Amino acid sequence: MAAEGNAIDALSQFELAPVLGIVGDAVGFTQSNFFMVIAALLTTGLLTYGMRERAIVPGRLQSLTETAYEFVYELVTGQVGDEGKRFFPFVFALFMFVLFGNLLGMLPYAFTFTSHIVVTFALAMVVFVLITVVGIMLHGTHWFSYFLPEGAPKALAPLIVVIEIISYLSRPISLSVRLFANMVAGHVMLKVFATFIVLMGGAGAIGVLGAIAPLSINVALIGFEFLVAFLQAYVFAMLTSIYLHDAVHLH
């Protein structure tokens, strides 16, 4: 917990630093990249080992894997329809990567790579490019009719087209900022209340009693942050599925 005097440094936890010694320094491999690799390995390991036995009566790991699989599958097909089955692997990988990124950041001395806007924006841009390419491939030039809904007044066409284009281009911004802002806000709050505990705990017997309040709040916040970690991964996958629906079905 970074507390210099009575100052609270809640943002130092987001600073990047090279790992792997000289190699990490040479290629710019930071703790953010390190935990991205871990998230990818955990996703791969969960699917590989979780479904290895394929038991009729699944164990805990297989049940977890099947639950995650069915949850995202129903999410995608429910939003996109049967046409969404082809996009399920992409949405599933995206959901698990974001989820593990959020959850790993809750571990002591770990790093939340989804707290960096450059990471969330990169993920959002991948989604944005995919839905644009899918829309054009499926509908050709008719895809551009998306920016002028059927039945819209012709007199308002110039205004409607501009609004629709701005709305469409803002998708990666809203998608990335939502995840980034929630992760940063949650971890800042945890750091602030944790620092209160340390500062008050060092102020004698009265301070120790006073530290109980921020300690209780921090315990509640930790539980809330685990919920937020899942919800933000769910929202990211949900919005991706909604955007895919728009690309496949237009208006």
Protein backbone atom coordinates (compact mmCIF):
# COMPACT_ATOMS: atom_id res chain seq x y z
CA MET A 1 0.00 0.00 0.00
CA ALA A 2 1.57 3.24 -1.11
CA ALA A 3 1.13 5.95 1.48
CA GLU A 4 3.73 8.65 1.84
CA GLY A 5 3.01 10.61 5.01
CA ASN A 6 -0.72 11.22 4.88
CA ALA A 7 -0.88 11.10 1.08
CA ILE A 8 -2.59 8.25 -0.70
CA ASP A 9 -1.01 7.02 -3.91
CA ALA A 10 -3.77 4.95 -5.50
CA LEU A 11 -2.52 5.13 -9.08
CA SER A 12 0.95 3.63 -8.72
CA GLN A 13 -0.58 0.15 -9.03
CA PHE A 14 -1.24 0.84 -12.72
CA GLU A 15 2.36 1.75 -13.60
CA LEU A 16 4.09 -0.53 -16.08
CA ALA A 17 7.51 -2.01 -15.46
CA PRO A 18 9.60 -4.46 -17.55
CA VAL A 19 9.74 -8.05 -16.38
CA LEU A 20 12.04 -10.96 -17.34
CA GLY A 21 15.09 -8.83 -16.60
CA ILE A 22 17.15 -7.58 -19.52
CA VAL A 23 14.97 -9.45 -22.02
CA GLY A 24 11.83 -7.73 -20.81
CA ASP A 25 13.54 -4.37 -20.83
CA ALA A 26 14.80 -4.89 -24.38
CA VAL A 27 11.46 -5.87 -25.91
CA GLY A 28 9.20 -3.85 -23.61
CA PHE A 29 7.66 -6.95 -22.01
CA THR A 30 5.84 -5.60 -18.95
CA GLN A 31 3.76 -7.15 -16.20
CA SER A 32 0.72 -6.33 -18.31
CA ASN A 33 2.00 -8.57 -21.11
CA PHE A 34 2.97 -11.21 -18.56
CA PHE A 35 -0.56 -11.46 -17.15
CA MET A 36 -2.04 -11.44 -20.65
CA VAL A 37 0.00 -14.56 -21.35
CA ILE A 38 -1.22 -16.08 -18.09
CA ALA A 39 -4.85 -15.29 -18.99
CA ALA A 40 -4.43 -16.94 -22.39
CA LEU A 41 -2.77 -20.00 -20.80
CA LEU A 42 -5.52 -20.29 -18.18
CA THR A 43 -8.20 -20.18 -20.87
CA THR A 44 -6.41 -22.83 -22.91
CA GLY A 45 -5.73 -24.95 -19.84
CA LEU A 46 -9.33 -24.77 -18.68
CA LEU A 47 -10.63 -26.04 -22.00
CA THR A 48 -7.88 -28.64 -22.44
CA TYR A 49 -7.93 -30.20 -18.98
CA GLY A 50 -11.55 -29.42 -18.16
CA MET A 51 -12.81 -31.50 -21.08
CA ARG A 52 -10.08 -34.12 -21.06
CA GLU A 53 -12.11 -36.85 -19.33
CA ARG A 54 -15.51 -35.98 -20.89
CA ALA A 55 -17.28 -37.83 -18.10
CA ILE A 56 -21.03 -38.37 -18.19
CA VAL A 57 -21.12 -37.19 -14.59
CA PRO A 58 -18.74 -34.23 -14.78
CA GLY A 59 -16.31 -33.29 -12.05
CA ARG A 60 -15.84 -29.75 -10.79
CA LEU A 61 -13.41 -28.63 -13.49
CA GLN A 62 -15.47 -30.17 -16.29
CA SER A 63 -18.64 -28.62 -14.86
CA LEU A 64 -16.95 -25.21 -14.75
CA THR A 65 -15.79 -25.58 -18.34
CA GLU A 66 -19.18 -26.74 -19.59
CA THR A 67 -20.95 -23.95 -17.70
CA ALA A 68 -18.70 -21.29 -19.22
CA TYR A 69 -19.10 -22.84 -22.67
CA GLU A 70 -22.90 -23.05 -22.47
CA PHE A 71 -23.20 -19.58 -20.94
CA VAL A 72 -21.37 -17.87 -23.80
CA TYR A 73 -22.94 -20.13 -26.43
CA GLU A 74 -26.45 -19.23 -25.31
CA LEU A 75 -25.43 -15.58 -25.13
CA VAL A 76 -24.18 -15.53 -28.73
CA THR A 77 -26.98 -17.61 -30.27
CA GLY A 78 -29.58 -15.71 -28.27
CA GLN A 79 -28.38 -12.39 -29.64
CA VAL A 80 -27.26 -13.30 -33.16
CA GLY A 81 -29.35 -16.41 -33.86
CA ASP A 82 -28.14 -19.58 -35.54
CA GLU A 83 -25.85 -17.46 -37.73
CA GLY A 84 -23.94 -16.56 -34.58
CA LYS A 85 -22.58 -20.09 -34.11
CA ARG A 86 -19.68 -19.35 -36.42
CA PHE A 87 -18.68 -16.40 -34.19
CA PHE A 88 -18.96 -18.33 -30.92
CA PRO A 89 -15.22 -19.23 -30.66
CA PHE A 90 -14.28 -15.56 -31.06
CA VAL A 91 -16.75 -14.30 -28.45
CA PHE A 92 -15.88 -17.13 -26.06
CA ALA A 93 -12.15 -16.40 -26.30
CA LEU A 94 -12.84 -12.69 -25.81
CA PHE A 95 -15.06 -13.33 -22.78
CA MET A 96 -12.58 -15.67 -21.08
CA PHE A 97 -9.60 -13.39 -21.80
CA VAL A 98 -11.35 -10.37 -20.28
CA LEU A 99 -12.72 -12.41 -17.37
CA PHE A 100 -9.35 -13.87 -16.43
CA GLY A 101 -7.75 -10.45 -16.89
CA ASN A 102 -10.23 -8.97 -14.43
CA LEU A 103 -9.98 -11.83 -11.93
CA LEU A 104 -6.19 -12.06 -11.98
CA GLY A 105 -6.02 -8.43 -10.94
CA MET A 106 -7.76 -9.33 -7.68
CA LEU A 107 -4.83 -11.49 -6.58
CA PRO A 108 -2.12 -9.96 -4.37
CA TYR A 109 0.83 -8.56 -6.36
CA ALA A 110 -0.97 -9.29 -9.63
CA PHE A 111 -1.68 -6.77 -12.38
CA THR A 112 -5.02 -5.92 -13.97
CA PHE A 113 -4.19 -5.44 -17.65
CA THR A 114 -7.82 -4.49 -18.38
CA SER A 115 -7.19 -1.33 -16.32
CA HIS A 116 -5.18 0.11 -19.23
CA ILE A 117 -7.16 1.89 -21.94
CA VAL A 118 -4.67 0.82 -24.61
CA VAL A 119 -5.52 -2.84 -23.90
CA THR A 120 -9.28 -2.42 -23.78
CA PHE A 121 -9.24 -0.17 -26.86
CA ALA A 122 -7.19 -2.76 -28.77
CA LEU A 123 -9.76 -5.44 -27.90
CA ALA A 124 -12.60 -3.10 -28.87
CA MET A 125 -10.93 -2.31 -32.20
CA VAL A 126 -10.63 -6.03 -32.97
CA VAL A 127 -14.39 -6.31 -32.40
CA PHE A 128 -15.06 -3.16 -34.46
CA VAL A 129 -13.00 -4.36 -37.42
CA LEU A 130 -14.60 -7.82 -37.27
CA ILE A 131 -18.19 -6.57 -37.31
CA THR A 132 -17.39 -4.16 -40.14
CA VAL A 133 -15.72 -6.85 -42.25
CA VAL A 134 -18.52 -9.34 -41.53
CA GLY A 135 -21.18 -6.80 -42.47
CA ILE A 136 -19.52 -5.92 -45.77
CA MET A 137 -18.79 -9.56 -46.66
CA LEU A 138 -22.38 -10.64 -46.00
CA HIS A 139 -24.22 -7.70 -47.52
CA GLY A 140 -21.81 -6.02 -49.92
CA THR A 141 -22.63 -2.40 -50.67
CA HIS A 142 -26.08 -2.91 -49.13
CA TRP A 143 -24.30 -2.82 -45.75
CA PHE A 144 -24.06 0.96 -46.05
CA SER A 145 -27.86 1.13 -45.79
CA TYR A 146 -27.26 0.51 -42.09
CA PHE A 147 -26.59 4.23 -41.75
CA LEU A 148 -30.02 5.11 -43.17
CA PRO A 149 -32.73 2.96 -41.54
CA GLU A 150 -35.56 1.83 -43.77
CA GLY A 151 -38.54 4.14 -43.58
CA ALA A 152 -36.54 7.13 -42.34
CA PRO A 153 -37.72 10.49 -43.74
CA LYS A 154 -35.71 11.39 -46.84
CA ALA A 155 -35.58 15.03 -45.80
CA LEU A 156 -33.73 14.04 -42.61
CA ALA A 157 -31.40 11.61 -44.41
CA PRO A 158 -28.26 13.82 -44.21
CA LEU A 159 -28.74 14.34 -40.47
CA ILE A 160 -29.62 10.70 -39.78
CA VAL A 161 -26.63 9.39 -41.75
CA VAL A 162 -24.22 11.64 -39.83
CA ILE A 163 -25.70 10.60 -36.48
CA GLU A 164 -25.58 6.90 -37.40
CA ILE A 165 -21.96 7.15 -38.56
CA ILE A 166 -20.90 8.93 -35.37
CA SER A 167 -22.79 6.35 -33.30
CA TYR A 168 -21.13 3.51 -35.20
CA LEU A 169 -17.62 4.97 -34.88
CA SER A 170 -18.13 5.54 -31.15
CA ARG A 171 -18.64 1.84 -30.49
CA PRO A 172 -14.97 0.97 -29.84
CA ILE A 173 -14.66 4.03 -27.60
CA SER A 174 -17.67 3.19 -25.44
CA LEU A 175 -16.76 -0.50 -25.38
CA SER A 176 -13.20 0.14 -24.24
CA VAL A 177 -13.86 3.01 -21.82
CA ARG A 178 -16.60 1.10 -20.00
CA LEU A 179 -14.28 -1.80 -19.15
CA PHE A 180 -11.24 0.39 -18.45
CA ALA A 181 -13.12 2.86 -16.22
CA ASN A 182 -14.79 0.17 -14.11
CA MET A 183 -11.53 -1.67 -13.50
CA VAL A 184 -9.62 1.49 -12.61
CA ALA A 185 -12.36 2.85 -10.34
CA GLY A 186 -12.70 -0.40 -8.44
CA HIS A 187 -8.99 -0.88 -7.81
CA VAL A 188 -8.53 2.77 -6.82
CA MET A 189 -11.27 2.43 -4.22
CA LEU A 190 -9.68 -0.75 -2.86
CA LYS A 191 -6.29 0.97 -2.61
CA VAL A 192 -7.73 4.05 -0.91
CA PHE A 193 -9.56 2.11 1.80
CA ALA A 194 -6.63 -0.27 2.25
CA THR A 195 -4.36 2.73 2.82
CA PHE A 196 -6.83 4.08 5.38
CA ILE A 197 -6.50 0.79 7.25
CA VAL A 198 -2.71 1.07 7.33
CA LEU A 199 -2.68 4.74 8.35
CA MET A 200 -5.27 4.37 11.08
CA GLY A 201 -3.83 1.09 12.32
CA GLY A 202 -0.55 2.85 13.08
CA ALA A 203 -2.20 5.53 15.20
CA GLY A 204 -2.43 3.58 18.45
CA ALA A 205 -5.29 1.71 20.07
CA ILE A 206 -7.92 4.21 19.01
CA GLY A 207 -6.60 4.07 15.47
CA VAL A 208 -6.85 0.27 15.43
CA LEU A 209 -10.50 0.50 16.41
CA GLY A 210 -11.03 3.17 13.78
CA ALA A 211 -9.47 0.93 11.15
CA ILE A 212 -12.30 -1.57 11.55
CA ALA A 213 -14.66 0.59 9.47
CA PRO A 214 -12.43 0.87 6.36
CA LEU A 215 -11.50 -2.80 6.78
CA SER A 216 -15.17 -3.80 6.68
CA ILE A 217 -15.74 -1.59 3.63
CA ASN A 218 -12.74 -3.08 1.87
CA VAL A 219 -13.94 -6.64 2.50
CA ALA A 220 -17.31 -5.73 1.00
CA LEU A 221 -15.59 -3.98 -1.93
CA ILE A 222 -13.50 -7.05 -2.68
CA GLY A 223 -16.66 -9.15 -2.99
CA PHE A 224 -18.23 -6.45 -5.13
CA GLU A 225 -15.15 -6.27 -7.36
CA PHE A 226 -15.33 -10.00 -8.08
CA LEU A 227 -18.91 -9.44 -9.20
CA VAL A 228 -17.85 -6.47 -11.33
CA ALA A 229 -15.05 -8.56 -12.86
CA PHE A 230 -17.59 -11.05 -14.14
CA LEU A 231 -20.19 -8.46 -15.14
CA GLN A 232 -17.72 -6.44 -17.20
CA ALA A 233 -16.61 -9.54 -19.09
CA TYR A 234 -20.28 -10.39 -19.64
CA VAL A 235 -21.10 -6.87 -20.85
CA PHE A 236 -18.13 -6.91 -23.22
CA ALA A 237 -19.28 -10.24 -24.71
CA MET A 238 -22.91 -9.13 -24.77
CA LEU A 239 -22.19 -5.90 -26.66
CA THR A 240 -19.95 -7.80 -29.06
CA SER A 241 -22.84 -10.18 -29.75
CA ILE A 242 -25.23 -7.27 -30.25
CA TYR A 243 -22.84 -5.66 -32.72
CA LEU A 244 -22.52 -8.98 -34.55
CA HIS A 245 -26.31 -9.16 -34.74
CA ASP A 246 -26.37 -5.74 -36.37
CA ALA A 247 -23.68 -6.82 -38.83
CA VAL A 248 -25.48 -10.03 -39.75
CA HIS A 249 -29.05 -8.77 -39.84
CA LEU A 250 -28.54 -5.01 -40.39
CA HIS A 251 -31.62 -3.10 -39.15
